[in-house]
Amino acid sequence: MPLKFLQLLYLFQEYGYLIIFTGTFFEGETTLVLGGLLARLECLNFWMVIVTAALASYLGHVVFYFLGKTSAPWILLRFPKLRHKIRQAEDLIRRHETTSLFITQYIFGLRLASALAFGILDMKISKFLFLQLMSCVVWAILFASLGYWLGESVEGLCQHIEWVILGILVLGTIAAYSGRKIFDYWLRSR
């Protein structure tokens, strides 16, 4: 095995769950796909990857929800562009609260911003906590499974794992950016 691959395996065996926790607390689809891939390569435990990612994502949402709920005036005064974006999303969120909570889980750059918006727009706490937990669990299972499936698909490429991981990072970034632009266009056209 190449030295770089062994170094990567060591990092993920030593700090894999911490890397997944940190990455998925903020956004993390690409981190989670990599976690699923490494679970397939038996560097990490598949179910621990899911639990770690779901917990981190959930905690990130809860933190930003309560920031929105408790600090809305300060946030809106400090970030005037955010005020405009929340106004744009408010009608959608108020009319389709549950659906919008699940949809924003999959749009890059909106997960934490939407949690902040749900807090600012005063979504009921119990509803937010329950639905967000369900959303985070489904999200973690889907993206970790995608990584696991990719691991099966590229099993023959293990000697070039750095290129596979780089490809996942590049494709993840392109998909996230494209998805966000499409959502922004759709939101502006409404």
Protein backbone atom coordinates (compact mmCIF):
# COMPACT_ATOMS: atom_id res chain seq x y z
CA MET A 1 0.00 0.00 0.00
CA PRO A 2 1.26 3.51 -0.73
CA LEU A 3 2.51 5.54 2.20
CA LYS A 4 -0.08 8.32 1.68
CA PHE A 5 -2.92 5.81 1.92
CA LEU A 6 -1.49 4.37 5.15
CA GLN A 7 -1.17 7.89 6.59
CA LEU A 8 -4.77 8.64 5.63
CA LEU A 9 -5.95 5.38 7.20
CA TYR A 10 -4.06 6.20 10.37
CA LEU A 11 -5.62 9.67 10.59
CA PHE A 12 -9.12 8.31 10.15
CA GLN A 13 -8.59 5.38 12.47
CA GLU A 14 -7.21 7.73 15.10
CA TYR A 15 -9.45 10.80 14.59
CA GLY A 16 -12.15 9.66 12.13
CA TYR A 17 -15.16 10.19 14.33
CA LEU A 18 -13.86 13.58 15.50
CA ILE A 19 -13.35 14.59 11.86
CA ILE A 20 -16.88 13.44 11.02
CA PHE A 21 -18.35 15.17 14.07
CA THR A 22 -16.64 18.48 13.27
CA GLY A 23 -17.47 18.34 9.56
CA THR A 24 -21.12 17.44 10.02
CA PHE A 25 -21.70 19.93 12.82
CA PHE A 26 -21.35 22.71 10.26
CA GLU A 27 -22.39 21.23 6.90
CA GLY A 28 -20.69 17.96 6.09
CA GLU A 29 -22.25 16.01 3.23
CA THR A 30 -18.82 15.38 1.74
CA THR A 31 -17.39 14.47 5.16
CA LEU A 32 -20.21 12.01 5.68
CA VAL A 33 -19.75 10.41 2.25
CA LEU A 34 -16.06 9.97 3.07
CA GLY A 35 -17.04 8.45 6.41
CA GLY A 36 -19.27 5.93 4.62
CA LEU A 37 -16.47 5.14 2.17
CA LEU A 38 -14.02 4.56 5.00
CA ALA A 39 -16.57 2.40 6.80
CA ARG A 40 -16.73 0.24 3.68
CA LEU A 41 -12.93 -0.01 3.77
CA GLU A 42 -13.30 -1.07 7.44
CA CYS A 43 -11.42 1.94 8.80
CA LEU A 44 -14.54 3.08 10.69
CA ASN A 45 -17.73 1.47 11.95
CA PHE A 46 -20.65 2.26 9.62
CA TRP A 47 -23.25 2.71 12.39
CA MET A 48 -20.90 4.84 14.48
CA VAL A 49 -20.39 7.08 11.44
CA ILE A 50 -24.18 7.50 11.19
CA VAL A 51 -24.66 8.12 14.92
CA THR A 52 -21.75 10.60 15.05
CA ALA A 53 -22.98 12.52 12.00
CA ALA A 54 -26.64 12.60 13.09
CA LEU A 55 -25.69 13.79 16.58
CA ALA A 56 -23.28 16.46 15.32
CA SER A 57 -25.71 17.74 12.71
CA TYR A 58 -28.53 17.81 15.25
CA LEU A 59 -26.43 19.71 17.78
CA GLY A 60 -25.43 22.23 15.12
CA HIS A 61 -29.06 22.84 14.22
CA VAL A 62 -30.13 23.15 17.85
CA VAL A 63 -27.35 25.65 18.63
CA PHE A 64 -28.29 27.84 15.66
CA TYR A 65 -32.03 27.50 16.35
CA PHE A 66 -31.55 28.79 19.90
CA LEU A 67 -29.24 31.54 18.66
CA GLY A 68 -32.05 32.67 16.37
CA LYS A 69 -34.65 32.36 19.09
CA THR A 70 -32.70 34.25 21.75
CA SER A 71 -30.62 36.72 19.74
CA ALA A 72 -32.82 37.62 16.76
CA PRO A 73 -32.73 41.42 17.17
CA TRP A 74 -28.94 41.50 17.55
CA ILE A 75 -28.40 39.08 14.62
CA LEU A 76 -30.74 40.96 12.28
CA LEU A 77 -29.18 44.30 13.20
CA ARG A 78 -25.62 43.00 12.85
CA PHE A 79 -26.24 41.15 9.54
CA PRO A 80 -28.65 43.19 7.37
CA LYS A 81 -28.24 40.85 4.36
CA LEU A 82 -29.51 38.00 6.52
CA ARG A 83 -32.65 40.02 7.28
CA HIS A 84 -33.43 40.16 3.55
CA LYS A 85 -32.84 36.41 3.08
CA ILE A 86 -35.03 35.54 6.05
CA ARG A 87 -37.78 37.77 4.68
CA GLN A 88 -37.50 35.93 1.36
CA ALA A 89 -37.73 32.54 3.04
CA GLU A 90 -40.36 33.52 5.63
CA ASP A 91 -43.39 32.94 3.42
CA LEU A 92 -42.10 29.54 2.33
CA ILE A 93 -41.23 28.54 5.89
CA ARG A 94 -44.56 29.70 7.35
CA ARG A 95 -46.63 27.96 4.66
CA HIS A 96 -44.59 24.76 4.53
CA GLU A 97 -42.85 24.60 7.89
CA THR A 98 -42.31 20.83 8.07
CA THR A 99 -41.39 20.38 4.42
CA SER A 100 -38.98 23.32 4.43
CA LEU A 101 -37.22 21.93 7.49
CA PHE A 102 -36.56 18.65 5.68
CA ILE A 103 -35.65 20.25 2.33
CA THR A 104 -33.11 22.71 3.77
CA GLN A 105 -31.23 19.76 5.31
CA TYR A 106 -30.02 18.92 1.79
CA ILE A 107 -29.09 22.38 0.50
CA PHE A 108 -25.50 23.45 1.03
CA GLY A 109 -25.14 26.62 3.05
CA LEU A 110 -28.75 26.60 4.23
CA ARG A 111 -28.75 23.97 6.95
CA LEU A 112 -27.51 26.19 9.75
CA ALA A 113 -28.97 29.37 8.26
CA SER A 114 -32.38 27.72 8.12
CA ALA A 115 -32.06 26.57 11.74
CA LEU A 116 -31.32 30.19 12.63
CA ALA A 117 -34.35 31.29 10.59
CA PHE A 118 -36.63 28.74 12.29
CA GLY A 119 -35.54 30.21 15.63
CA ILE A 120 -36.00 33.81 14.49
CA LEU A 121 -39.42 33.00 13.00
CA ASP A 122 -40.37 31.35 16.31
CA MET A 123 -41.08 27.79 15.18
CA LYS A 124 -42.44 25.80 18.12
CA ILE A 125 -39.50 24.31 20.06
CA SER A 126 -40.89 20.79 20.45
CA LYS A 127 -41.79 20.63 16.76
CA PHE A 128 -38.36 21.85 15.70
CA LEU A 129 -36.47 19.46 18.00
CA PHE A 130 -38.46 16.39 16.94
CA LEU A 131 -38.54 17.09 13.20
CA GLN A 132 -34.90 18.13 13.13
CA LEU A 133 -33.85 14.92 14.85
CA MET A 134 -35.75 12.86 12.27
CA SER A 135 -34.27 14.92 9.45
CA CYS A 136 -30.71 14.54 10.75
CA VAL A 137 -31.03 10.77 11.16
CA VAL A 138 -32.42 10.31 7.63
CA TRP A 139 -29.73 12.62 6.22
CA ALA A 140 -26.94 10.73 8.00
CA ILE A 141 -28.20 7.34 6.81
CA LEU A 142 -28.55 8.53 3.21
CA PHE A 143 -25.13 10.17 2.86
CA ALA A 144 -23.21 7.51 4.82
CA SER A 145 -24.89 4.84 2.69
CA LEU A 146 -23.91 6.73 -0.45
CA GLY A 147 -20.29 6.69 0.72
CA TYR A 148 -20.53 2.99 1.58
CA TRP A 149 -21.95 2.24 -1.85
CA LEU A 150 -19.17 4.30 -3.47
CA GLY A 151 -16.69 2.26 -1.46
CA GLU A 152 -18.09 -0.92 -3.00
CA SER A 153 -18.00 0.63 -6.46
CA VAL A 154 -14.38 1.77 -6.23
CA GLU A 155 -13.00 -1.15 -4.26
CA GLY A 156 -10.52 -1.95 -7.03
CA LEU A 157 -9.14 1.58 -6.81
CA CYS A 158 -7.93 1.24 -3.22
CA GLN A 159 -4.33 1.61 -4.30
CA HIS A 160 -5.33 5.10 -5.53
CA ILE A 161 -7.59 6.00 -2.62
CA GLU A 162 -6.23 9.54 -2.39
CA TRP A 163 -7.56 10.20 -5.92
CA VAL A 164 -10.93 8.68 -5.04
CA ILE A 165 -11.19 10.90 -1.95
CA LEU A 166 -10.09 13.96 -3.91
CA GLY A 167 -12.72 13.14 -6.54
CA ILE A 168 -15.41 12.87 -3.86
CA LEU A 169 -14.36 16.22 -2.40
CA VAL A 170 -14.41 17.93 -5.80
CA LEU A 171 -17.73 16.39 -6.87
CA GLY A 172 -19.24 17.15 -3.46
CA THR A 173 -18.19 20.78 -3.71
CA ILE A 174 -19.56 21.12 -7.25
CA ALA A 175 -22.85 19.43 -6.32
CA ALA A 176 -23.25 21.57 -3.20
CA TYR A 177 -22.53 24.80 -5.04
CA SER A 178 -24.84 23.90 -7.94
CA GLY A 179 -27.66 22.85 -5.62
CA ARG A 180 -27.37 26.10 -3.71
CA LYS A 181 -27.46 28.20 -6.90
CA ILE A 182 -30.52 26.33 -8.16
CA PHE A 183 -32.29 26.84 -4.82
CA ASP A 184 -31.40 30.55 -4.77
CA TYR A 185 -32.74 30.95 -8.31
CA TRP A 186 -35.95 29.10 -7.38
CA LEU A 187 -36.39 31.21 -4.23
CA ARG A 188 -35.87 34.51 -6.16
CA SER A 189 -38.39 33.49 -8.82
CA ARG A 190 -41.14 32.96 -6.23
